[in-house]
Amino acid sequence: MTRFTVAAPNWNEMPWMESMFLAGLRSQTFRDFDVVMVDAGSTDGSREAFNRFGDVSAVWILNTTRNIGYIRNVAALFGRGEILVHTSSDIEFPPSLLQEVNRRFSEDPKLFALAGRAIPVGEGAGLICRAGYWGFDVIRTILGFFGKMRPAGNFLCIKRSAFMEMGGYPEVEINEDGLLGYRIDDYRAENNLHAAYDYGLNVKHHVKRFEKGVAGIKGIIFYIYMLQYVFPFLGPWLKPLEKRRRREFSTRSDLKR
């Protein structure tokens, strides 16, 4: 077993996967990790670029569905790491990131989940974009003070044992990371453990998603979920959307190495 499994989905992200994701992994000062990439059928040379990454053990999984929650769960199943590092193929890790994460988990045995912020980069990372990211980070930081974890799929570290026991990500098309936060909250309370959102722990995120409109839609959903902490009476209306039931990890025949 390795210390970390870096798990990420991919779909035609080759330019960023090679220049950001793989470059960031090559630069890591902490080397005890493996990589799992779950691809939704890319046609842009992503697999060929990934196969050139020979620094550590790396597994490529072909998956015919684009359900992001399910894809993230599949990545967790195929890795060998004690701690899962959920991210995306358009993310870049700073060189000391895994070393710092390892230090945090080593110093606090009760810590089971750790998240940080994403810094937007790219031509579209203007004032409005940065303000949106900053808004997410402020809300997540404030919620952290009240014992609430709302991680982003861009960067979440979680112990494999806890992730499996809580049922992993809800298998939904969007906002799977925000919904996972409810499961993290429950697991922390039930087991008297620690989870942390650290504003100072960060990765770089290419903002091309804004061009696709995905980030904007997801942002609206995220803010709607946050409303229940300002207006508690909205809680019962939002609860059915959380999909908090415990479940076994599914196995499906549409996966190919």
Protein backbone atom coordinates (compact mmCIF):
# COMPACT_ATOMS: atom_id res chain seq x y z
CA MET A 1 0.00 0.00 0.00
CA THR A 2 1.20 3.51 -0.82
CA ARG A 3 0.65 6.58 1.34
CA PHE A 4 -1.48 8.42 -1.26
CA THR A 5 -3.60 7.66 -4.30
CA VAL A 6 -4.07 10.71 -6.53
CA ALA A 7 -7.44 10.09 -8.22
CA ALA A 8 -8.85 12.20 -11.06
CA PRO A 9 -11.47 12.07 -13.81
CA ASN A 10 -10.61 13.10 -17.36
CA TRP A 11 -12.40 13.88 -20.60
CA ASN A 12 -10.45 15.56 -23.40
CA GLU A 13 -8.26 17.56 -20.99
CA MET A 14 -4.93 16.71 -22.62
CA PRO A 15 -3.42 20.23 -22.79
CA TRP A 16 -3.99 20.84 -19.07
CA MET A 17 -3.45 17.25 -17.98
CA GLU A 18 0.06 17.26 -19.43
CA SER A 19 1.17 20.81 -18.60
CA MET A 20 -0.49 21.07 -15.17
CA PHE A 21 -1.65 17.78 -13.66
CA LEU A 22 1.25 15.50 -14.68
CA ALA A 23 3.83 18.29 -14.37
CA GLY A 24 2.68 18.96 -10.81
CA LEU A 25 2.91 15.29 -9.87
CA ARG A 26 6.42 15.03 -11.32
CA SER A 27 7.51 17.94 -9.14
CA GLN A 28 6.34 16.44 -5.82
CA THR A 29 9.00 16.20 -3.13
CA PHE A 30 6.99 13.42 -1.42
CA ARG A 31 7.06 10.39 -3.74
CA ASP A 32 5.04 7.67 -1.97
CA PHE A 33 1.92 7.84 -4.15
CA ASP A 34 0.21 6.22 -7.11
CA VAL A 35 -2.10 7.76 -9.71
CA VAL A 36 -5.48 6.63 -11.05
CA MET A 37 -7.09 8.41 -14.00
CA VAL A 38 -10.68 7.52 -14.98
CA ASP A 39 -11.39 8.62 -18.53
CA ALA A 40 -14.79 9.09 -20.16
CA GLY A 41 -13.60 8.23 -23.66
CA SER A 42 -11.21 11.02 -24.60
CA THR A 43 -10.18 11.42 -28.24
CA ASP A 44 -7.56 14.15 -27.83
CA GLY A 45 -4.48 12.03 -27.02
CA SER A 46 -5.02 12.12 -23.26
CA ARG A 47 -4.24 8.43 -22.82
CA GLU A 48 -1.02 8.66 -24.79
CA ALA A 49 0.11 11.61 -22.67
CA PHE A 50 -0.80 9.77 -19.48
CA ASN A 51 1.07 6.65 -20.58
CA ARG A 52 4.25 8.70 -20.86
CA PHE A 53 4.03 9.40 -17.13
CA GLY A 54 6.37 6.74 -15.72
CA ASP A 55 7.47 8.35 -12.46
CA VAL A 56 5.18 6.30 -10.19
CA SER A 57 2.59 3.55 -10.54
CA ALA A 58 -0.18 4.88 -12.78
CA VAL A 59 -3.47 3.23 -13.82
CA TRP A 60 -5.76 4.37 -16.64
CA ILE A 61 -9.42 3.28 -16.50
CA LEU A 62 -11.82 3.70 -19.41
CA ASN A 63 -15.36 4.36 -18.22
CA THR A 64 -18.34 4.74 -20.56
CA THR A 65 -20.44 6.92 -18.23
CA ARG A 66 -19.78 10.57 -17.39
CA ASN A 67 -21.51 10.51 -14.01
CA ILE A 68 -18.89 12.41 -12.04
CA GLY A 69 -19.77 10.94 -8.63
CA TYR A 70 -19.48 7.39 -9.95
CA ILE A 71 -16.23 8.19 -11.77
CA ARG A 72 -14.62 9.51 -8.58
CA ASN A 73 -15.68 6.38 -6.70
CA VAL A 74 -14.16 4.15 -9.39
CA ALA A 75 -10.85 5.99 -9.10
CA ALA A 76 -10.84 5.29 -5.37
CA LEU A 77 -11.42 1.58 -5.91
CA PHE A 78 -8.44 1.10 -8.22
CA GLY A 79 -5.85 2.99 -6.16
CA ARG A 80 -3.65 1.50 -3.43
CA GLY A 81 -3.17 4.57 -1.25
CA GLU A 82 -3.98 4.80 2.44
CA ILE A 83 -5.17 8.36 1.79
CA LEU A 84 -7.15 9.32 -1.31
CA VAL A 85 -6.34 12.66 -2.93
CA HIS A 86 -9.35 13.54 -5.08
CA THR A 87 -8.60 16.12 -7.74
CA SER A 88 -9.12 16.82 -11.46
CA SER A 89 -6.95 16.61 -14.55
CA ASP A 90 -6.84 20.41 -14.95
CA ILE A 91 -5.28 20.93 -11.50
CA GLU A 92 -1.63 21.57 -10.69
CA PHE A 93 -0.11 20.66 -7.32
CA PRO A 94 2.71 22.81 -5.91
CA PRO A 95 5.90 20.75 -5.29
CA SER A 96 5.52 20.45 -1.51
CA LEU A 97 1.77 19.75 -1.42
CA LEU A 98 1.80 16.00 -0.69
CA GLN A 99 4.62 16.47 1.77
CA GLU A 100 2.56 19.02 3.69
CA VAL A 101 -0.56 16.84 3.56
CA ASN A 102 1.46 13.90 4.86
CA ARG A 103 2.71 16.05 7.74
CA ARG A 104 -0.82 17.13 8.66
CA PHE A 105 -2.18 13.58 8.77
CA SER A 106 0.87 12.30 10.65
CA GLU A 107 0.59 14.97 13.34
CA ASP A 108 -3.15 14.47 13.93
CA PRO A 109 -4.18 10.77 14.09
CA LYS A 110 -7.85 11.81 14.36
CA LEU A 111 -7.75 13.80 11.11
CA PHE A 112 -9.56 11.86 8.37
CA ALA A 113 -10.38 14.57 5.79
CA LEU A 114 -8.44 17.64 4.67
CA ALA A 115 -9.36 20.09 1.91
CA GLY A 116 -7.94 23.32 0.56
CA ARG A 117 -8.66 26.02 -1.98
CA ALA A 118 -8.07 26.32 -5.72
CA ILE A 119 -6.37 29.37 -7.22
CA PRO A 120 -7.71 30.16 -10.71
CA VAL A 121 -5.18 30.46 -13.54
CA GLY A 122 -5.46 30.91 -17.30
CA GLU A 123 -6.59 33.64 -19.68
CA GLY A 124 -10.10 33.71 -18.20
CA ALA A 125 -8.95 34.23 -14.61
CA GLY A 126 -10.16 37.81 -14.42
CA LEU A 127 -11.67 39.79 -11.57
CA ILE A 128 -15.14 38.20 -11.73
CA CYS A 129 -13.68 34.71 -11.89
CA ARG A 130 -11.36 35.32 -8.95
CA ALA A 131 -14.19 36.88 -6.95
CA GLY A 132 -16.28 33.74 -7.49
CA TYR A 133 -13.47 31.49 -6.29
CA TRP A 134 -12.86 33.76 -3.32
CA GLY A 135 -16.56 33.60 -2.42
CA PHE A 136 -16.47 29.81 -2.39
CA ASP A 137 -13.36 29.83 -0.19
CA VAL A 138 -14.77 32.30 2.32
CA ILE A 139 -17.99 30.31 2.70
CA ARG A 140 -16.07 27.05 3.14
CA THR A 141 -13.78 28.67 5.71
CA ILE A 142 -16.70 30.08 7.71
CA LEU A 143 -18.55 26.75 7.63
CA GLY A 144 -15.37 25.07 8.88
CA PHE A 145 -15.55 27.13 12.06
CA PHE A 146 -19.02 25.67 12.65
CA GLY A 147 -17.88 22.10 12.06
CA LYS A 148 -19.18 21.83 8.50
CA MET A 149 -17.07 20.50 5.64
CA ARG A 150 -17.94 21.47 2.05
CA PRO A 151 -14.99 20.24 -0.04
CA ALA A 152 -14.35 20.85 -3.71
CA GLY A 153 -13.51 18.04 -6.11
CA ASN A 154 -10.44 20.03 -7.11
CA PHE A 155 -8.63 19.04 -3.92
CA LEU A 156 -9.81 16.73 -1.14
CA CYS A 157 -7.66 14.34 0.90
CA ILE A 158 -9.54 11.65 2.81
CA LYS A 159 -8.55 8.39 4.45
CA ARG A 160 -9.58 5.44 2.30
CA SER A 161 -11.18 3.53 5.19
CA ALA A 162 -13.43 6.47 6.06
CA PHE A 163 -14.31 7.14 2.42
CA MET A 164 -15.41 3.54 1.91
CA GLU A 165 -17.39 3.38 5.15
CA MET A 166 -19.36 6.54 4.40
CA GLY A 167 -20.29 5.30 0.91
CA GLY A 168 -18.03 7.54 -1.15
CA TYR A 169 -19.38 10.27 -3.40
CA PRO A 170 -23.11 10.45 -4.16
CA GLU A 171 -23.36 9.22 -7.74
CA VAL A 172 -24.84 12.37 -9.25
CA GLU A 173 -24.03 14.41 -12.33
CA ILE A 174 -23.08 17.65 -10.56
CA ASN A 175 -22.24 18.93 -7.05
CA GLU A 176 -21.05 15.49 -5.94
CA ASP A 177 -18.31 17.12 -3.87
CA GLY A 178 -20.67 19.47 -2.03
CA LEU A 179 -22.99 16.58 -1.22
CA LEU A 180 -20.06 14.49 0.03
CA GLY A 181 -19.60 17.18 2.67
CA TYR A 182 -22.81 16.06 4.39
CA ARG A 183 -21.46 12.52 4.64
CA ILE A 184 -18.17 13.83 6.00
CA ASP A 185 -20.05 15.85 8.64
CA ASP A 186 -22.02 12.79 9.71
CA TYR A 187 -18.96 10.55 9.82
CA ARG A 188 -16.98 13.05 11.86
CA ALA A 189 -19.77 13.40 14.43
CA GLU A 190 -20.43 9.66 14.68
CA ASN A 191 -16.76 8.76 15.16
CA ASN A 192 -15.47 11.81 17.06
CA LEU A 193 -12.85 12.57 14.38
CA HIS A 194 -11.41 15.70 12.77
CA ALA A 195 -11.94 17.19 9.31
CA ALA A 196 -10.37 20.47 8.20
CA TYR A 197 -10.62 23.04 5.43
CA ASP A 198 -7.30 24.92 5.20
CA TYR A 199 -7.37 28.22 3.28
CA GLY A 200 -3.56 28.18 3.15
CA LEU A 201 -3.39 24.79 1.44
CA ASN A 202 -3.94 25.39 -2.26
CA VAL A 203 -3.68 24.09 -5.82
CA LYS A 204 -3.86 25.82 -9.19
CA HIS A 205 -6.98 25.35 -11.30
CA HIS A 206 -7.31 26.21 -14.99
CA VAL A 207 -10.49 28.23 -15.50
CA LYS A 208 -11.45 26.84 -18.90
CA ARG A 209 -14.47 25.26 -17.18
CA PHE A 210 -16.03 28.72 -17.04
CA GLU A 211 -16.00 28.72 -20.83
CA LYS A 212 -18.15 25.58 -20.75
CA GLY A 213 -20.56 27.08 -18.23
CA VAL A 214 -20.10 24.14 -15.87
CA ALA A 215 -18.55 26.13 -13.05
CA GLY A 216 -21.30 28.74 -13.19
CA ILE A 217 -24.08 26.18 -12.91
CA LYS A 218 -22.25 24.36 -10.14
CA GLY A 219 -21.68 27.62 -8.32
CA ILE A 220 -25.40 28.40 -8.30
CA ILE A 221 -26.18 24.95 -6.88
CA PHE A 222 -23.44 25.36 -4.27
CA TYR A 223 -24.84 28.68 -3.05
CA ILE A 224 -28.37 27.24 -2.89
CA TYR A 225 -27.13 24.51 -0.56
CA MET A 226 -25.37 27.09 1.59
CA LEU A 227 -28.65 28.99 2.10
CA GLN A 228 -29.86 26.47 4.65
CA TYR A 229 -27.17 27.66 7.07
CA VAL A 230 -28.48 31.22 6.84
CA PHE A 231 -32.17 30.25 6.61
CA PRO A 232 -32.64 27.00 8.59
CA PHE A 233 -36.25 26.62 7.47
CA LEU A 234 -34.92 25.65 4.01
CA GLY A 235 -33.26 22.55 5.47
CA PRO A 236 -36.22 20.15 5.13
CA TRP A 237 -36.68 21.21 1.50
CA LEU A 238 -33.03 20.56 0.66
CA LYS A 239 -32.62 17.32 2.63
CA PRO A 240 -34.12 15.05 -0.08
CA LEU A 241 -31.47 16.33 -2.48
CA GLU A 242 -28.56 15.32 -0.28
CA LYS A 243 -28.76 11.57 -1.03
CA ARG A 244 -27.15 10.80 2.29
CA ARG A 245 -28.11 7.12 2.53
CA ARG A 246 -25.26 4.68 3.07
CA ARG A 247 -24.59 2.43 0.11
CA GLU A 248 -22.21 -0.23 -1.11
CA PHE A 249 -19.80 0.62 -3.87
CA SER A 250 -21.22 -0.63 -7.16
CA THR A 251 -19.32 -2.81 -9.59
CA ARG A 252 -19.99 -2.44 -13.28
CA SER A 253 -18.86 -4.17 -16.43
CA ASP A 254 -18.19 -1.01 -18.45
CA LEU A 255 -14.69 -0.45 -17.02
CA LYS A 256 -11.56 -1.20 -19.02
CA ARG A 257 -7.92 -0.72 -18.17
